[in-house]
Amino acid sequence: MTHCAPARPDRLADLIERFDVAITPVADAPANLVILGDDNGPRSVLFLQKPQAFPRAQFAARVDWGTVENPLETGLPVRIEMPIETPDLMGLAVALKWEAEAHRCGSASVLRRLAEVMIVRLLRFQFDTGCDQIGVLAGLTDLRLSRAIVAIHNRPGHGWTSGDLAVEAGLSPSRFSELFSQKVGQSPMAYLRQWRLTVARQDLQQGQRVDAVSRRYGYASSEAFSRAFRQKYGVPPLAIRGRVGVAPGA
């Protein structure tokens, strides 16, 4: 009988799907997603936390992670430089360069979609090379912690305990808590509470009912959820229900 290895959890799916990452191609303006190269073609892809001017870039764009609550906003290194070494990555870079220069019909939409693919490739590159920046990306880079973090992302309403998450990671409770805090910058239960409130806020902004949202994310009552929500955001849940685009704390 053939035994198949368990599928590796998708470490990016929830972070990519939960947040609207806006990618805006720019010319002669500060950018933080850049393709660098020479007359022979693209050579590397650069991502920066703080946009800079790159007058000779082959492609340049501004990346907005959608909200300060996106864990990737604070979890990315200050600088990522990914060499273009494979035919598929070269093809993607060339397509971005060509679309940016051609100005064909629909090019803005094509550029955004291609740039989203490039962002995913950059994040995969970080998984492969490691991440020293404290935050969720460093946690996801660790294959043990990533199993627990993906479990939180996938099932935020589950009644997780730190011990349960340690089992997901295949670590002892003490080692799990130590490593999680070291890599992610907060305890497992603090990250769980933060993620629950983040996704609950998104649901409320889409107009969903407070009682339904509180049950979905594991709160004992609407009152308990409202207290936690007000403590984090400074307003009750009803204040932002149905108000898409309201900034946290507004």
Foldseek 3Di string as FASTA:
>chain_A
DDDDDDDQDDLCVLLPVVADKDKFWDAQDWFFWFFDDDPVATWKIKGALDTDGDNRTLTGIHIDRHAPLRQVNQQADRMFIGTDDDPVSRVLRVVLSCLVPVVDPPSRVVNRVSVVVVVVVRLVVCLVVADPRAAVSNLCSPSLSSQLVVCLSVQLQDPDDLCNSCVSSVHHSVVNQVVNCNRHVDGSVVVSLSSLLVSLLVQQLCQDDLQVSCNSRHHPGSVRVQVSNCVFQVDGSNVRGNPPPDHRND
